C-alpha atoms as a PDB file:
ATOM      1  CA  MET A   1    -102.910  72.752  65.448  1.00  0.00           C
ATOM      2  CA  ARG A   2    -105.029  71.315  68.199  1.00  0.00           C
ATOM      3  CA  GLU A   3    -108.683  70.381  67.770  1.00  0.00           C
ATOM      4  CA  ILE A   4    -111.106  71.212  70.536  1.00  0.00           C
ATOM      5  CA  SER A   5    -114.831  70.574  70.861  1.00  0.00           C
ATOM      6  CA  LEU A   6    -117.238  73.486  70.990  1.00  0.00           C
ATOM      7  CA  GLU A   7    -118.155  72.655  74.577  1.00  0.00           C
ATOM      8  CA  GLU A   8    -114.498  72.638  75.651  1.00  0.00           C
ATOM      9  CA  ALA A   9    -113.853  75.845  73.687  1.00  0.00           C
ATOM     10  CA  GLN A  10    -116.664  77.594  75.559  1.00  0.00           C
ATOM     11  CA  ALA A  11    -115.133  76.575  78.858  1.00  0.00           C
ATOM     12  CA  THR A  12    -111.556  77.565  77.919  1.00  0.00           C
ATOM     13  CA  LEU A  13    -112.038  80.560  75.620  1.00  0.00           C
ATOM     14  CA  SER A  14    -109.565  82.783  77.458  1.00  0.00           C
ATOM     15  CA  ALA A  15    -106.822  80.142  77.248  1.00  0.00           C
ATOM     16  CA  MET A  16    -107.569  79.577  73.542  1.00  0.00           C
ATOM     17  CA  ILE A  17    -107.197  83.284  72.870  1.00  0.00           C
ATOM     18  CA  ASP A  18    -103.900  83.375  74.759  1.00  0.00           C
ATOM     19  CA  ASP A  19    -102.670  80.401  72.700  1.00  0.00           C
ATOM     20  CA  ALA A  20    -103.754  82.026  69.431  1.00  0.00           C
ATOM     21  CA  VAL A  21    -101.927  85.254  70.301  1.00  0.00           C
ATOM     22  CA  GLN A  22     -98.812  83.156  70.993  1.00  0.00           C
ATOM     23  CA  GLY A  23     -99.067  81.618  67.497  1.00  0.00           C
ATOM     24  CA  ARG A  24    -100.862  78.393  68.454  1.00  0.00           C
ATOM     25  CA  PRO A  25    -104.234  78.404  66.656  1.00  0.00           C
ATOM     26  CA  SER A  26    -107.026  75.969  67.505  1.00  0.00           C
ATOM     27  CA  ILE A  27    -109.687  74.236  65.433  1.00  0.00           C
ATOM     28  CA  ILE A  28    -113.111  74.197  67.053  1.00  0.00           C
ATOM     29  CA  THR A  29    -115.209  71.175  66.140  1.00  0.00           C
ATOM     30  CA  ARG A  30    -118.946  70.616  66.336  1.00  0.00           C
ATOM     31  CA  HIS A  31    -120.175  67.026  66.304  1.00  0.00           C
ATOM     32  CA  GLY A  32    -116.611  65.975  65.424  1.00  0.00           C
ATOM     33  CA  GLU A  33    -116.436  68.132  62.284  1.00  0.00           C
ATOM     34  CA  PRO A  34    -114.058  71.140  61.992  1.00  0.00           C
ATOM     35  CA  GLN A  35    -116.076  74.373  62.016  1.00  0.00           C
ATOM     36  CA  VAL A  36    -113.857  77.314  62.997  1.00  0.00           C
ATOM     37  CA  VAL A  37    -110.191  78.198  63.371  1.00  0.00           C
ATOM     38  CA  VAL A  38    -109.177  80.581  66.160  1.00  0.00           C
ATOM     39  CA  LEU A  39    -105.959  82.386  65.340  1.00  0.00           C
ATOM     40  CA  GLY A  40    -104.301  85.564  66.471  1.00  0.00           C
ATOM     41  CA  PHE A  41    -105.077  88.871  64.793  1.00  0.00           C
ATOM     42  CA  THR A  42    -101.483  89.312  63.594  1.00  0.00           C
ATOM     43  CA  GLU A  43    -101.574  85.937  61.839  1.00  0.00           C
ATOM     44  CA  TRP A  44    -104.985  86.721  60.324  1.00  0.00           C
ATOM     45  CA  GLU A  45    -103.651  90.019  58.954  1.00  0.00           C
ATOM     46  CA  ARG A  46    -100.658  88.221  57.441  1.00  0.00           C
ATOM     47  CA  LEU A  47    -102.818  85.574  55.803  1.00  0.00           C
ATOM     48  CA  SER A  48    -105.456  87.992  54.532  1.00  0.00           C
ATOM     49  CA  GLY A  49    -102.784  90.038  52.775  1.00  0.00           C
ATOM     50  CA  VAL A  50    -101.637  87.131  50.597  1.00  0.00           C
ATOM     51  CA  PRO A  51    -103.164  87.536  47.127  1.00  0.00           C
ATOM     52  CA  SER A  52    -104.868  84.626  45.434  1.00  0.00           C
ATOM     53  CA  PHE A  53    -103.347  83.095  42.308  1.00  0.00           C
ATOM     54  CA  GLY A  54    -106.163  84.624  40.262  1.00  0.00           C
ATOM     55  CA  ARG A  55    -105.419  88.108  41.594  1.00  0.00           C
ATOM     56  CA  LEU A  56    -101.726  87.652  40.830  1.00  0.00           C
ATOM     57  CA  LEU A  57    -102.579  86.706  37.243  1.00  0.00           C
ATOM     58  CA  LEU A  58    -104.919  89.671  36.878  1.00  0.00           C
ATOM     59  CA  SER A  59    -102.255  92.060  38.146  1.00  0.00           C
ATOM     60  CA  ALA A  60     -99.547  90.719  35.803  1.00  0.00           C
ATOM     61  CA  PRO A  61     -98.306  93.443  33.411  1.00  0.00           C
ATOM     62  CA  LEU A  62     -99.278  91.529  30.257  1.00  0.00           C
ATOM     63  CA  GLU A  63    -100.336  93.003  26.936  1.00  0.00           C
ATOM     64  CA  PRO A  64    -102.554  91.080  24.487  1.00  0.00           C
ATOM     65  CA  GLU A  65     -99.576  90.517  22.190  1.00  0.00           C
ATOM     66  CA  ASP A  66     -97.712  88.798  25.061  1.00  0.00           C
ATOM     67  CA  LEU A  67    -100.114  85.850  24.944  1.00  0.00           C
ATOM     68  CA  PRO A  68    -100.042  83.177  22.239  1.00  0.00           C
ATOM     69  CA  GLU A  69    -103.049  82.883  19.957  1.00  0.00           C
ATOM     70  CA  ARG A  70    -105.405  80.041  20.717  1.00  0.00           C
ATOM     71  CA  ASN A  71    -106.713  77.623  18.157  1.00  0.00           C
ATOM     72  CA  PRO A  72    -110.302  77.103  19.364  1.00  0.00           C
ATOM     73  CA  GLY A  73    -110.812  74.046  17.138  1.00  0.00           C
ATOM     74  CA  ALA A  74    -107.760  72.048  18.179  1.00  0.00           C
ATOM     75  CA  PHE A  75    -108.193  69.608  21.029  1.00  0.00           C
ATOM     76  CA  ARG A  76    -105.680  67.103  22.300  1.00  0.00           C
ATOM     77  CA  PRO A  77    -106.860  63.511  22.628  1.00  0.00           C
ATOM     78  CA  MET A  78    -107.466  62.327  26.169  1.00  0.00           C
ATOM     79  CA  ASP A  79    -105.761  59.237  27.495  1.00  0.00           C
ATOM     80  CA  VAL A  80    -108.353  57.314  29.438  1.00  0.00           C
END
């Protein structure tokens, strides 16, 4: 993924959009720090449809008896 300054992005926005649609996203930087990623709508839709690990866990078909009981007083020693 290419990095491009904000000033250069303003001057070449149309080309950046064409690249993003073709599957070549760009990172726009401000003062040398990454700020924004420009990617095509199709890629954004694909990425936004991927569930987070937390959502996958919440959607798992588990019953309370499927999980082991916890011993709240037992801690393992830490190796430091």
